[in-house]
Every structure is written in C-alpha cells, then in structure tokens.
Amino acid sequence: MLCAECSRCRRKSIIGLAPADVYLPRPADAAGAAQGARLRCDLCGSKDVKLIRVASPAEAVAFVTSRM
C-alpha cells in the first residue's frame, strides 16, 4: 500500500494499493524526484509530497494516525 505525507503541513493520506513496479525515490534522488513530482497536497497545495510504502492496511492506518 502507498501512503503520502506533505512536508509543509504534515498531512498524511492513504493512497491505496500500489503495483509492485512503482518507483519510490530515495533521498539521494530527491533532485530528480522533484522534477517528476505529480502529487499535490490537497490541504495546502504543496508539491513537496513524500510517498511511503507500508505493508498492510493496519500499518497504513497507524501511519495516518501518527502512531508509526
């Protein structure tokens, strides 16, 4: 499953199931990831959104409720 976190307002969201071949950039690739970023925060509009892969729906809920 994929979750997202906005770096500006810290909003956390569950995106849903992700295919196995989804590329999640590493911190070293941040410059390259910023160019191809397509996600925007629905609360503040920031383009600085990080994708986080979680293993299960329970982990996704824990992430969104800030218990992870």
Protein backbone atom coordinates (compact mmCIF):
# COMPACT_ATOMS: atom_id res chain seq x y z
CA MET A 1 0.00 0.00 0.00
CA LEU A 2 1.05 3.58 -0.57
CA CYS A 3 0.68 6.50 1.79
CA ALA A 4 1.70 10.12 1.33
CA GLU A 5 2.93 12.84 3.67
CA CYS A 6 3.13 16.56 2.89
CA SER A 7 6.39 18.11 4.08
CA ARG A 8 4.82 21.55 4.52
CA CYS A 9 1.61 20.91 6.51
CA ARG A 10 2.35 17.29 7.61
CA ARG A 11 -0.98 15.98 6.30
CA LYS A 12 -0.90 12.20 5.91
CA SER A 13 -3.08 10.30 3.44
CA ILE A 14 -3.66 6.73 2.33
CA ILE A 15 -3.38 6.49 -1.45
CA GLY A 16 -4.20 2.81 -1.86
CA LEU A 17 -2.74 -0.35 -3.33
CA ALA A 18 0.36 0.08 -5.45
CA PRO A 19 1.69 -2.12 -8.23
CA ALA A 20 4.96 -3.85 -7.42
CA ASP A 21 6.87 -1.79 -10.00
CA VAL A 22 6.10 1.67 -8.55
CA TYR A 23 9.33 3.62 -8.22
CA LEU A 24 9.75 5.34 -4.86
CA PRO A 25 12.70 7.76 -4.99
CA ARG A 26 15.37 7.53 -2.34
CA PRO A 27 16.58 10.67 -0.52
CA ALA A 28 19.66 10.77 -2.78
CA ASP A 29 17.33 11.03 -5.80
CA ALA A 30 15.41 13.99 -4.35
CA ALA A 31 16.55 16.41 -7.07
CA GLY A 32 15.36 14.07 -9.81
CA ALA A 33 12.15 13.28 -7.98
CA ALA A 34 11.24 16.95 -7.63
CA GLN A 35 11.19 17.37 -11.42
CA GLY A 36 8.81 14.48 -11.99
CA ALA A 37 6.60 15.11 -8.95
CA ARG A 38 2.92 14.96 -9.83
CA LEU A 39 1.27 14.76 -6.44
CA ARG A 40 -0.02 17.82 -4.61
CA CYS A 41 -1.22 18.12 -1.05
CA ASP A 42 -4.99 18.52 -1.04
CA LEU A 43 -4.84 20.74 2.06
CA CYS A 44 -2.08 23.28 1.33
CA GLY A 45 -1.29 22.66 -2.37
CA SER A 46 2.40 21.92 -1.83
CA LYS A 47 4.21 19.78 -4.41
CA ASP A 48 6.62 18.50 -1.75
CA VAL A 49 4.80 15.23 -1.05
CA LYS A 50 6.66 12.09 0.02
CA LEU A 51 5.40 8.61 -0.83
CA ILE A 52 5.75 5.94 1.82
CA ARG A 53 5.18 2.23 1.18
CA VAL A 54 3.53 0.27 4.01
CA ALA A 55 3.00 -3.48 4.20
CA SER A 56 -0.64 -3.70 5.30
CA PRO A 57 -3.84 -1.72 5.76
CA ALA A 58 -3.26 -1.78 9.53
CA GLU A 59 0.14 -0.11 9.05
CA ALA A 60 -1.46 2.48 6.75
CA VAL A 61 -3.98 3.42 9.43
CA ALA A 62 -1.20 3.56 12.03
CA PHE A 63 0.79 5.86 9.73
CA VAL A 64 -2.12 8.23 9.13
CA THR A 65 -2.98 8.42 12.83
CA SER A 66 0.70 9.17 13.61
CA ARG A 67 1.24 6.02 15.63
CA MET A 68 4.03 4.68 13.46
